[in-house]
Amino acid sequence: VTDRTDVRDGDTINLDYSGSIDGV
């Protein structure tokens, strides 16, 4: 998608993520 930048329901996104619990 090049005509918008906001994520919408049904979109397929490429993402990076990092999870933590109490900062760990």
mmCIF file of all heavy atoms, coordinates in Angstrom:
data_MODEL
# 
_entry.id   MODEL 
# 
loop_
_atom_site.group_PDB 
_atom_site.id 
_atom_site.type_symbol 
_atom_site.label_atom_id 
_atom_site.label_alt_id 
_atom_site.label_comp_id 
_atom_site.label_asym_id 
_atom_site.label_entity_id 
_atom_site.label_seq_id 
_atom_site.pdbx_PDB_ins_code 
_atom_site.Cartn_x 
_atom_site.Cartn_y 
_atom_site.Cartn_z 
_atom_site.occupancy 
_atom_site.B_iso_or_equiv 
_atom_site.pdbx_formal_charge 
_atom_site.auth_seq_id 
_atom_site.auth_comp_id 
_atom_site.auth_asym_id 
_atom_site.auth_atom_id 
_atom_site.pdbx_PDB_model_num 
ATOM 1   N N   . VAL A 1 1  ? 0.845   -1.188  0.000  1.00 0.00 ? 1  VAL A N   1 
ATOM 2   C CA  . VAL A 1 1  ? 0.000   0.000   0.000  1.00 0.00 ? 1  VAL A CA  1 
ATOM 3   C C   . VAL A 1 1  ? 0.887   1.247   0.000  1.00 0.00 ? 1  VAL A C   1 
ATOM 4   O O   . VAL A 1 1  ? 1.760   1.398   0.854  1.00 0.00 ? 1  VAL A O   1 
ATOM 5   C CB  . VAL A 1 1  ? -0.929  0.002   1.232  1.00 0.00 ? 1  VAL A CB  1 
ATOM 6   C CG1 . VAL A 1 1  ? -1.716  1.316   1.306  1.00 0.00 ? 1  VAL A CG1 1 
ATOM 7   C CG2 . VAL A 1 1  ? -1.866  -1.183  1.176  1.00 0.00 ? 1  VAL A CG2 1 
ATOM 8   N N   . THR A 1 2  ? 0.642   2.137   -0.978 1.00 0.00 ? 2  THR A N   1 
ATOM 9   C CA  . THR A 1 2  ? 1.465   3.358   -1.082 1.00 0.00 ? 2  THR A CA  1 
ATOM 10  C C   . THR A 1 2  ? 0.641   4.635   -0.976 1.00 0.00 ? 2  THR A C   1 
ATOM 11  O O   . THR A 1 2  ? 1.208   5.734   -0.858 1.00 0.00 ? 2  THR A O   1 
ATOM 12  C CB  . THR A 1 2  ? 2.231   3.362   -2.424 1.00 0.00 ? 2  THR A CB  1 
ATOM 13  O OG1 . THR A 1 2  ? 1.288   3.288   -3.500 1.00 0.00 ? 2  THR A OG1 1 
ATOM 14  C CG2 . THR A 1 2  ? 3.191   2.190   -2.503 1.00 0.00 ? 2  THR A CG2 1 
ATOM 15  N N   . ASP A 1 3  ? -0.692  4.513   -1.019 1.00 0.00 ? 3  ASP A N   1 
ATOM 16  C CA  . ASP A 1 3  ? -1.516  5.723   -0.997 1.00 0.00 ? 3  ASP A CA  1 
ATOM 17  C C   . ASP A 1 3  ? -1.982  6.117   0.393  1.00 0.00 ? 3  ASP A C   1 
ATOM 18  O O   . ASP A 1 3  ? -2.751  7.072   0.564  1.00 0.00 ? 3  ASP A O   1 
ATOM 19  C CB  . ASP A 1 3  ? -2.722  5.547   -1.924 1.00 0.00 ? 3  ASP A CB  1 
ATOM 20  C CG  . ASP A 1 3  ? -3.610  4.373   -1.513 1.00 0.00 ? 3  ASP A CG  1 
ATOM 21  O OD1 . ASP A 1 3  ? -3.180  3.588   -0.639 1.00 0.00 ? 3  ASP A OD1 1 
ATOM 22  O OD2 . ASP A 1 3  ? -4.717  4.252   -2.064 1.00 0.00 ? 3  ASP A OD2 1 
ATOM 23  N N   . ARG A 1 4  ? -1.534  5.406   1.406  1.00 0.00 ? 4  ARG A N   1 
ATOM 24  C CA  . ARG A 1 4  ? -1.832  5.749   2.795  1.00 0.00 ? 4  ARG A CA  1 
ATOM 25  C C   . ARG A 1 4  ? -0.787  5.102   3.690  1.00 0.00 ? 4  ARG A C   1 
ATOM 26  O O   . ARG A 1 4  ? -0.045  4.201   3.264  1.00 0.00 ? 4  ARG A O   1 
ATOM 27  C CB  . ARG A 1 4  ? -3.231  5.264   3.204  1.00 0.00 ? 4  ARG A CB  1 
ATOM 28  C CG  . ARG A 1 4  ? -3.437  3.763   3.110  1.00 0.00 ? 4  ARG A CG  1 
ATOM 29  C CD  . ARG A 1 4  ? -4.850  3.364   3.523  1.00 0.00 ? 4  ARG A CD  1 
ATOM 30  N NE  . ARG A 1 4  ? -5.144  1.972   3.222  1.00 0.00 ? 4  ARG A NE  1 
ATOM 31  C CZ  . ARG A 1 4  ? -4.863  0.947   4.013  1.00 0.00 ? 4  ARG A CZ  1 
ATOM 32  N NH1 . ARG A 1 4  ? -4.263  1.175   5.184  1.00 0.00 ? 4  ARG A NH1 1 
ATOM 33  N NH2 . ARG A 1 4  ? -5.165  -0.278  3.672  1.00 0.00 ? 4  ARG A NH2 1 
ATOM 34  N N   . THR A 1 5  ? -0.738  5.537   4.954  1.00 0.00 ? 5  THR A N   1 
ATOM 35  C CA  . THR A 1 5  ? 0.270   5.006   5.878  1.00 0.00 ? 5  THR A CA  1 
ATOM 36  C C   . THR A 1 5  ? -0.338  4.383   7.128  1.00 0.00 ? 5  THR A C   1 
ATOM 37  O O   . THR A 1 5  ? 0.374   3.750   7.909  1.00 0.00 ? 5  THR A O   1 
ATOM 38  C CB  . THR A 1 5  ? 1.242   6.116   6.323  1.00 0.00 ? 5  THR A CB  1 
ATOM 39  O OG1 . THR A 1 5  ? 0.512   7.147   7.003  1.00 0.00 ? 5  THR A OG1 1 
ATOM 40  C CG2 . THR A 1 5  ? 1.972   6.704   5.124  1.00 0.00 ? 5  THR A CG2 1 
ATOM 41  N N   . ASP A 1 6  ? -1.646  4.556   7.343  1.00 0.00 ? 6  ASP A N   1 
ATOM 42  C CA  . ASP A 1 6  ? -2.265  4.051   8.570  1.00 0.00 ? 6  ASP A CA  1 
ATOM 43  C C   . ASP A 1 6  ? -2.728  2.613   8.422  1.00 0.00 ? 6  ASP A C   1 
ATOM 44  O O   . ASP A 1 6  ? -3.251  2.205   7.384  1.00 0.00 ? 6  ASP A O   1 
ATOM 45  C CB  . ASP A 1 6  ? -3.444  4.936   8.959  1.00 0.00 ? 6  ASP A CB  1 
ATOM 46  C CG  . ASP A 1 6  ? -4.519  4.950   7.889  1.00 0.00 ? 6  ASP A CG  1 
ATOM 47  O OD1 . ASP A 1 6  ? -4.190  5.249   6.712  1.00 0.00 ? 6  ASP A OD1 1 
ATOM 48  O OD2 . ASP A 1 6  ? -5.685  4.652   8.198  1.00 0.00 ? 6  ASP A OD2 1 
ATOM 49  N N   . VAL A 1 7  ? -2.541  1.823   9.479  1.00 0.00 ? 7  VAL A N   1 
ATOM 50  C CA  . VAL A 1 7  ? -2.930  0.414   9.490  1.00 0.00 ? 7  VAL A CA  1 
ATOM 51  C C   . VAL A 1 7  ? -4.436  0.309   9.680  1.00 0.00 ? 7  VAL A C   1 
ATOM 52  O O   . VAL A 1 7  ? -5.014  0.953   10.558 1.00 0.00 ? 7  VAL A O   1 
ATOM 53  C CB  . VAL A 1 7  ? -2.206  -0.346  10.627 1.00 0.00 ? 7  VAL A CB  1 
ATOM 54  C CG1 . VAL A 1 7  ? -2.706  -1.787  10.712 1.00 0.00 ? 7  VAL A CG1 1 
ATOM 55  C CG2 . VAL A 1 7  ? -0.697  -0.299  10.410 1.00 0.00 ? 7  VAL A CG2 1 
ATOM 56  N N   . ARG A 1 8  ? -5.060  -0.554  8.859  1.00 0.00 ? 8  ARG A N   1 
ATOM 57  C CA  . ARG A 1 8  ? -6.501  -0.775  8.942  1.00 0.00 ? 8  ARG A CA  1 
ATOM 58  C C   . ARG A 1 8  ? -6.785  -2.266  9.092  1.00 0.00 ? 8  ARG A C   1 
ATOM 59  O O   . ARG A 1 8  ? -5.947  -3.109  8.759  1.00 0.00 ? 8  ARG A O   1 
ATOM 60  C CB  . ARG A 1 8  ? -7.192  -0.234  7.689  1.00 0.00 ? 8  ARG A CB  1 
ATOM 61  C CG  . ARG A 1 8  ? -6.983  1.261   7.493  1.00 0.00 ? 8  ARG A CG  1 
ATOM 62  C CD  . ARG A 1 8  ? -7.606  1.768   6.202  1.00 0.00 ? 8  ARG A CD  1 
ATOM 63  N NE  . ARG A 1 8  ? -7.300  3.192   5.990  1.00 0.00 ? 8  ARG A NE  1 
ATOM 64  C CZ  . ARG A 1 8  ? -7.666  3.872   4.908  1.00 0.00 ? 8  ARG A CZ  1 
ATOM 65  N NH1 . ARG A 1 8  ? -8.370  3.267   3.948  1.00 0.00 ? 8  ARG A NH1 1 
ATOM 66  N NH2 . ARG A 1 8  ? -7.342  5.152   4.793  1.00 0.00 ? 8  ARG A NH2 1 
ATOM 67  N N   . ASP A 1 9  ? -7.982  -2.541  9.583  1.00 0.00 ? 9  ASP A N   1 
ATOM 68  C CA  . ASP A 1 9  ? -8.405  -3.937  9.754  1.00 0.00 ? 9  ASP A CA  1 
ATOM 69  C C   . ASP A 1 9  ? -8.349  -4.650  8.406  1.00 0.00 ? 9  ASP A C   1 
ATOM 70  O O   . ASP A 1 9  ? -8.833  -4.140  7.401  1.00 0.00 ? 9  ASP A O   1 
ATOM 71  C CB  . ASP A 1 9  ? -9.829  -3.982  10.314 1.00 0.00 ? 9  ASP A CB  1 
ATOM 72  C CG  . ASP A 1 9  ? -10.229 -5.378  10.767 1.00 0.00 ? 9  ASP A CG  1 
ATOM 73  O OD1 . ASP A 1 9  ? -9.338  -6.206  11.030 1.00 0.00 ? 9  ASP A OD1 1 
ATOM 74  O OD2 . ASP A 1 9  ? -11.443 -5.640  10.853 1.00 0.00 ? 9  ASP A OD2 1 
ATOM 75  N N   . GLY A 1 10 ? -7.726  -5.821  8.382  1.00 0.00 ? 10 GLY A N   1 
ATOM 76  C CA  . GLY A 1 10 ? -7.600  -6.577  7.147  1.00 0.00 ? 10 GLY A CA  1 
ATOM 77  C C   . GLY A 1 10 ? -6.274  -6.390  6.455  1.00 0.00 ? 10 GLY A C   1 
ATOM 78  O O   . GLY A 1 10 ? -5.914  -7.169  5.558  1.00 0.00 ? 10 GLY A O   1 
ATOM 79  N N   . ASP A 1 11 ? -5.514  -5.349  6.856  1.00 0.00 ? 11 ASP A N   1 
ATOM 80  C CA  . ASP A 1 11 ? -4.199  -5.120  6.257  1.00 0.00 ? 11 ASP A CA  1 
ATOM 81  C C   . ASP A 1 11 ? -3.221  -6.219  6.676  1.00 0.00 ? 11 ASP A C   1 
ATOM 82  O O   . ASP A 1 11 ? -3.302  -6.762  7.778  1.00 0.00 ? 11 ASP A O   1 
ATOM 83  C CB  . ASP A 1 11 ? -3.625  -3.777  6.711  1.00 0.00 ? 11 ASP A CB  1 
ATOM 84  C CG  . ASP A 1 11 ? -4.272  -2.602  6.013  1.00 0.00 ? 11 ASP A CG  1 
ATOM 85  O OD1 . ASP A 1 11 ? -4.951  -2.815  4.993  1.00 0.00 ? 11 ASP A OD1 1 
ATOM 86  O OD2 . ASP A 1 11 ? -4.102  -1.469  6.507  1.00 0.00 ? 11 ASP A OD2 1 
ATOM 87  N N   . THR A 1 12 ? -2.282  -6.482  5.791  1.00 0.00 ? 12 THR A N   1 
ATOM 88  C CA  . THR A 1 12 ? -1.160  -7.345  6.145  1.00 0.00 ? 12 THR A CA  1 
ATOM 89  C C   . THR A 1 12 ? 0.043   -6.435  6.356  1.00 0.00 ? 12 THR A C   1 
ATOM 90  O O   . THR A 1 12 ? 0.396   -5.644  5.473  1.00 0.00 ? 12 THR A O   1 
ATOM 91  C CB  . THR A 1 12 ? -0.862  -8.353  5.024  1.00 0.00 ? 12 THR A CB  1 
ATOM 92  O OG1 . THR A 1 12 ? -1.982  -9.216  4.864  1.00 0.00 ? 12 THR A OG1 1 
ATOM 93  C CG2 . THR A 1 12 ? 0.369   -9.194  5.368  1.00 0.00 ? 12 THR A CG2 1 
ATOM 94  N N   . ILE A 1 13 ? 0.625   -6.507  7.545  1.00 0.00 ? 13 ILE A N   1 
ATOM 95  C CA  . ILE A 1 13 ? 1.727   -5.598  7.866  1.00 0.00 ? 13 ILE A CA  1 
ATOM 96  C C   . ILE A 1 13 ? 3.012   -6.370  8.132  1.00 0.00 ? 13 ILE A C   1 
ATOM 97  O O   . ILE A 1 13 ? 2.997   -7.537  8.532  1.00 0.00 ? 13 ILE A O   1 
ATOM 98  C CB  . ILE A 1 13 ? 1.393   -4.716  9.087  1.00 0.00 ? 13 ILE A CB  1 
ATOM 99  C CG1 . ILE A 1 13 ? 1.216   -5.583  10.339 1.00 0.00 ? 13 ILE A CG1 1 
ATOM 100 C CG2 . ILE A 1 13 ? 0.154   -3.885  8.818  1.00 0.00 ? 13 ILE A CG2 1 
ATOM 101 C CD1 . ILE A 1 13 ? 1.046   -4.768  11.620 1.00 0.00 ? 13 ILE A CD1 1 
ATOM 102 N N   . ASN A 1 14 ? 4.116   -5.672  7.883  1.00 0.00 ? 14 ASN A N   1 
ATOM 103 C CA  . ASN A 1 14 ? 5.434   -6.165  8.252  1.00 0.00 ? 14 ASN A CA  1 
ATOM 104 C C   . ASN A 1 14 ? 5.853   -5.384  9.486  1.00 0.00 ? 14 ASN A C   1 
ATOM 105 O O   . ASN A 1 14 ? 5.780   -4.145  9.490  1.00 0.00 ? 14 ASN A O   1 
ATOM 106 C CB  . ASN A 1 14 ? 6.421   -5.953  7.105  1.00 0.00 ? 14 ASN A CB  1 
ATOM 107 C CG  . ASN A 1 14 ? 7.802   -6.488  7.430  1.00 0.00 ? 14 ASN A CG  1 
ATOM 108 O OD1 . ASN A 1 14 ? 8.570   -5.842  8.150  1.00 0.00 ? 14 ASN A OD1 1 
ATOM 109 N ND2 . ASN A 1 14 ? 8.120   -7.652  6.905  1.00 0.00 ? 14 ASN A ND2 1 
ATOM 110 N N   . LEU A 1 15 ? 6.268   -6.087  10.525 1.00 0.00 ? 15 LEU A N   1 
ATOM 111 C CA  . LEU A 1 15 ? 6.556   -5.404  11.786 1.00 0.00 ? 15 LEU A CA  1 
ATOM 112 C C   . LEU A 1 15 ? 7.723   -6.028  12.541 1.00 0.00 ? 15 LEU A C   1 
ATOM 113 O O   . LEU A 1 15 ? 8.068   -7.189  12.330 1.00 0.00 ? 15 LEU A O   1 
ATOM 114 C CB  . LEU A 1 15 ? 5.315   -5.404  12.681 1.00 0.00 ? 15 LEU A CB  1 
ATOM 115 C CG  . LEU A 1 15 ? 4.877   -6.732  13.335 1.00 0.00 ? 15 LEU A CG  1 
ATOM 116 C CD1 . LEU A 1 15 ? 3.935   -6.461  14.493 1.00 0.00 ? 15 LEU A CD1 1 
ATOM 117 C CD2 . LEU A 1 15 ? 4.203   -7.678  12.346 1.00 0.00 ? 15 LEU A CD2 1 
ATOM 118 N N   . ASP A 1 16 ? 8.304   -5.212  13.404 1.00 0.00 ? 16 ASP A N   1 
ATOM 119 C CA  . ASP A 1 16 ? 9.291   -5.675  14.382 1.00 0.00 ? 16 ASP A CA  1 
ATOM 120 C C   . ASP A 1 16 ? 8.643   -5.543  15.754 1.00 0.00 ? 16 ASP A C   1 
ATOM 121 O O   . ASP A 1 16 ? 7.898   -4.589  16.001 1.00 0.00 ? 16 ASP A O   1 
ATOM 122 C CB  . ASP A 1 16 ? 10.562  -4.812  14.356 1.00 0.00 ? 16 ASP A CB  1 
ATOM 123 C CG  . ASP A 1 16 ? 11.215  -4.758  12.989 1.00 0.00 ? 16 ASP A CG  1 
ATOM 124 O OD1 . ASP A 1 16 ? 11.034  -5.717  12.205 1.00 0.00 ? 16 ASP A OD1 1 
ATOM 125 O OD2 . ASP A 1 16 ? 11.881  -3.745  12.708 1.00 0.00 ? 16 ASP A OD2 1 
ATOM 126 N N   . TYR A 1 17 ? 8.900   -6.486  16.640 1.00 0.00 ? 17 TYR A N   1 
ATOM 127 C CA  . TYR A 1 17 ? 8.355   -6.343  17.991 1.00 0.00 ? 17 TYR A CA  1 
ATOM 128 C C   . TYR A 1 17 ? 9.282   -6.967  19.022 1.00 0.00 ? 17 TYR A C   1 
ATOM 129 O O   . TYR A 1 17 ? 10.076  -7.868  18.724 1.00 0.00 ? 17 TYR A O   1 
ATOM 130 C CB  . TYR A 1 17 ? 6.954   -6.960  18.096 1.00 0.00 ? 17 TYR A CB  1 
ATOM 131 C CG  . TYR A 1 17 ? 6.869   -8.439  17.785 1.00 0.00 ? 17 TYR A CG  1 
ATOM 132 C CD1 . TYR A 1 17 ? 7.204   -9.405  18.733 1.00 0.00 ? 17 TYR A CD1 1 
ATOM 133 C CD2 . TYR A 1 17 ? 6.408   -8.865  16.547 1.00 0.00 ? 17 TYR A CD2 1 
ATOM 134 C CE1 . TYR A 1 17 ? 7.106   -10.755 18.451 1.00 0.00 ? 17 TYR A CE1 1 
ATOM 135 C CE2 . TYR A 1 17 ? 6.312   -10.214 16.255 1.00 0.00 ? 17 TYR A CE2 1 
ATOM 136 C CZ  . TYR A 1 17 ? 6.657   -11.161 17.208 1.00 0.00 ? 17 TYR A CZ  1 
ATOM 137 O OH  . TYR A 1 17 ? 6.560   -12.498 16.922 1.00 0.00 ? 17 TYR A OH  1 
ATOM 138 N N   . SER A 1 18 ? 9.152   -6.426  20.240 1.00 0.00 ? 18 SER A N   1 
ATOM 139 C CA  . SER A 1 18 ? 9.950   -6.933  21.351 1.00 0.00 ? 18 SER A CA  1 
ATOM 140 C C   . SER A 1 18 ? 9.074   -6.926  22.596 1.00 0.00 ? 18 SER A C   1 
ATOM 141 O O   . SER A 1 18 ? 8.528   -5.886  22.973 1.00 0.00 ? 18 SER A O   1 
ATOM 142 C CB  . SER A 1 18 ? 11.183  -6.056  21.572 1.00 0.00 ? 18 SER A CB  1 
ATOM 143 O OG  . SER A 1 18 ? 11.910  -6.497  22.713 1.00 0.00 ? 18 SER A OG  1 
ATOM 144 N N   . GLY A 1 19 ? 8.903   -8.103  23.231 1.00 0.00 ? 19 GLY A N   1 
ATOM 145 C CA  . GLY A 1 19 ? 8.030   -8.227  24.384 1.00 0.00 ? 19 GLY A CA  1 
ATOM 146 C C   . GLY A 1 19 ? 8.785   -8.294  25.688 1.00 0.00 ? 19 GLY A C   1 
ATOM 147 O O   . GLY A 1 19 ? 9.910   -8.799  25.758 1.00 0.00 ? 19 GLY A O   1 
ATOM 148 N N   . SER A 1 20 ? 8.158   -7.744  26.753 1.00 0.00 ? 20 SER A N   1 
ATOM 149 C CA  . SER A 1 20 ? 8.792   -7.788  28.071 1.00 0.00 ? 20 SER A CA  1 
ATOM 150 C C   . SER A 1 20 ? 7.727   -7.817  29.152 1.00 0.00 ? 20 SER A C   1 
ATOM 151 O O   . SER A 1 20 ? 6.579   -7.424  28.934 1.00 0.00 ? 20 SER A O   1 
ATOM 152 C CB  . SER A 1 20 ? 9.703   -6.567  28.271 1.00 0.00 ? 20 SER A CB  1 
ATOM 153 O OG  . SER A 1 20 ? 8.926   -5.375  28.224 1.00 0.00 ? 20 SER A OG  1 
ATOM 154 N N   . ILE A 1 21 ? 8.118   -8.304  30.318 1.00 0.00 ? 21 ILE A N   1 
ATOM 155 C CA  . ILE A 1 21 ? 7.255   -8.298  31.496 1.00 0.00 ? 21 ILE A CA  1 
ATOM 156 C C   . ILE A 1 21 ? 8.020   -7.621  32.624 1.00 0.00 ? 21 ILE A C   1 
ATOM 157 O O   . ILE A 1 21 ? 9.123   -8.047  32.976 1.00 0.00 ? 21 ILE A O   1 
ATOM 158 C CB  . ILE A 1 21 ? 6.859   -9.741  31.898 1.00 0.00 ? 21 ILE A CB  1 
ATOM 159 C CG1 . ILE A 1 21 ? 6.011   -10.384 30.799 1.00 0.00 ? 21 ILE A CG1 1 
ATOM 160 C CG2 . ILE A 1 21 ? 6.101   -9.738  33.224 1.00 0.00 ? 21 ILE A CG2 1 
ATOM 161 C CD1 . ILE A 1 21 ? 5.645   -11.831 31.081 1.00 0.00 ? 21 ILE A CD1 1 
ATOM 162 N N   . ASP A 1 22 ? 7.466   -6.547  33.121 1.00 0.00 ? 22 ASP A N   1 
ATOM 163 C CA  . ASP A 1 22 ? 8.138   -5.734  34.149 1.00 0.00 ? 22 ASP A CA  1 
ATOM 164 C C   . ASP A 1 22 ? 9.526   -5.307  33.690 1.00 0.00 ? 22 ASP A C   1 
ATOM 165 O O   . ASP A 1 22 ? 10.489  -5.287  34.462 1.00 0.00 ? 22 ASP A O   1 
ATOM 166 C CB  . ASP A 1 22 ? 8.239   -6.513  35.472 1.00 0.00 ? 22 ASP A CB  1 
ATOM 167 C CG  . ASP A 1 22 ? 6.867   -6.796  36.073 1.00 0.00 ? 22 ASP A CG  1 
ATOM 168 O OD1 . ASP A 1 22 ? 5.943   -5.978  35.848 1.00 0.00 ? 22 ASP A OD1 1 
ATOM 169 O OD2 . ASP A 1 22 ? 6.717   -7.835  36.757 1.00 0.00 ? 22 ASP A OD2 1 
ATOM 170 N N   . GLY A 1 23 ? 9.618   -4.990  32.403 1.00 0.00 ? 23 GLY A N   1 
ATOM 171 C CA  . GLY A 1 23 ? 10.873  -4.493  31.853 1.00 0.00 ? 23 GLY A CA  1 
ATOM 172 C C   . GLY A 1 23 ? 11.881  -5.552  31.485 1.00 0.00 ? 23 GLY A C   1 
ATOM 173 O O   . GLY A 1 23 ? 12.969  -5.230  30.992 1.00 0.00 ? 23 GLY A O   1 
ATOM 174 N N   . VAL A 1 24 ? 11.557  -6.813  31.709 1.00 0.00 ? 24 VAL A N   1 
ATOM 175 C CA  . VAL A 1 24 ? 12.491  -7.909  31.406 1.00 0.00 ? 24 VAL A CA  1 
ATOM 176 C C   . VAL A 1 24 ? 11.980  -8.678  30.186 1.00 0.00 ? 24 VAL A C   1 
ATOM 177 O O   . VAL A 1 24 ? 10.852  -9.182  30.172 1.00 0.00 ? 24 VAL A O   1 
ATOM 178 C CB  . VAL A 1 24 ? 12.632  -8.868  32.607 1.00 0.00 ? 24 VAL A CB  1 
ATOM 179 C CG1 . VAL A 1 24 ? 13.598  -9.997  32.268 1.00 0.00 ? 24 VAL A CG1 1 
ATOM 180 C CG2 . VAL A 1 24 ? 13.104  -8.089  33.836 1.00 0.00 ? 24 VAL A CG2 1 
# 
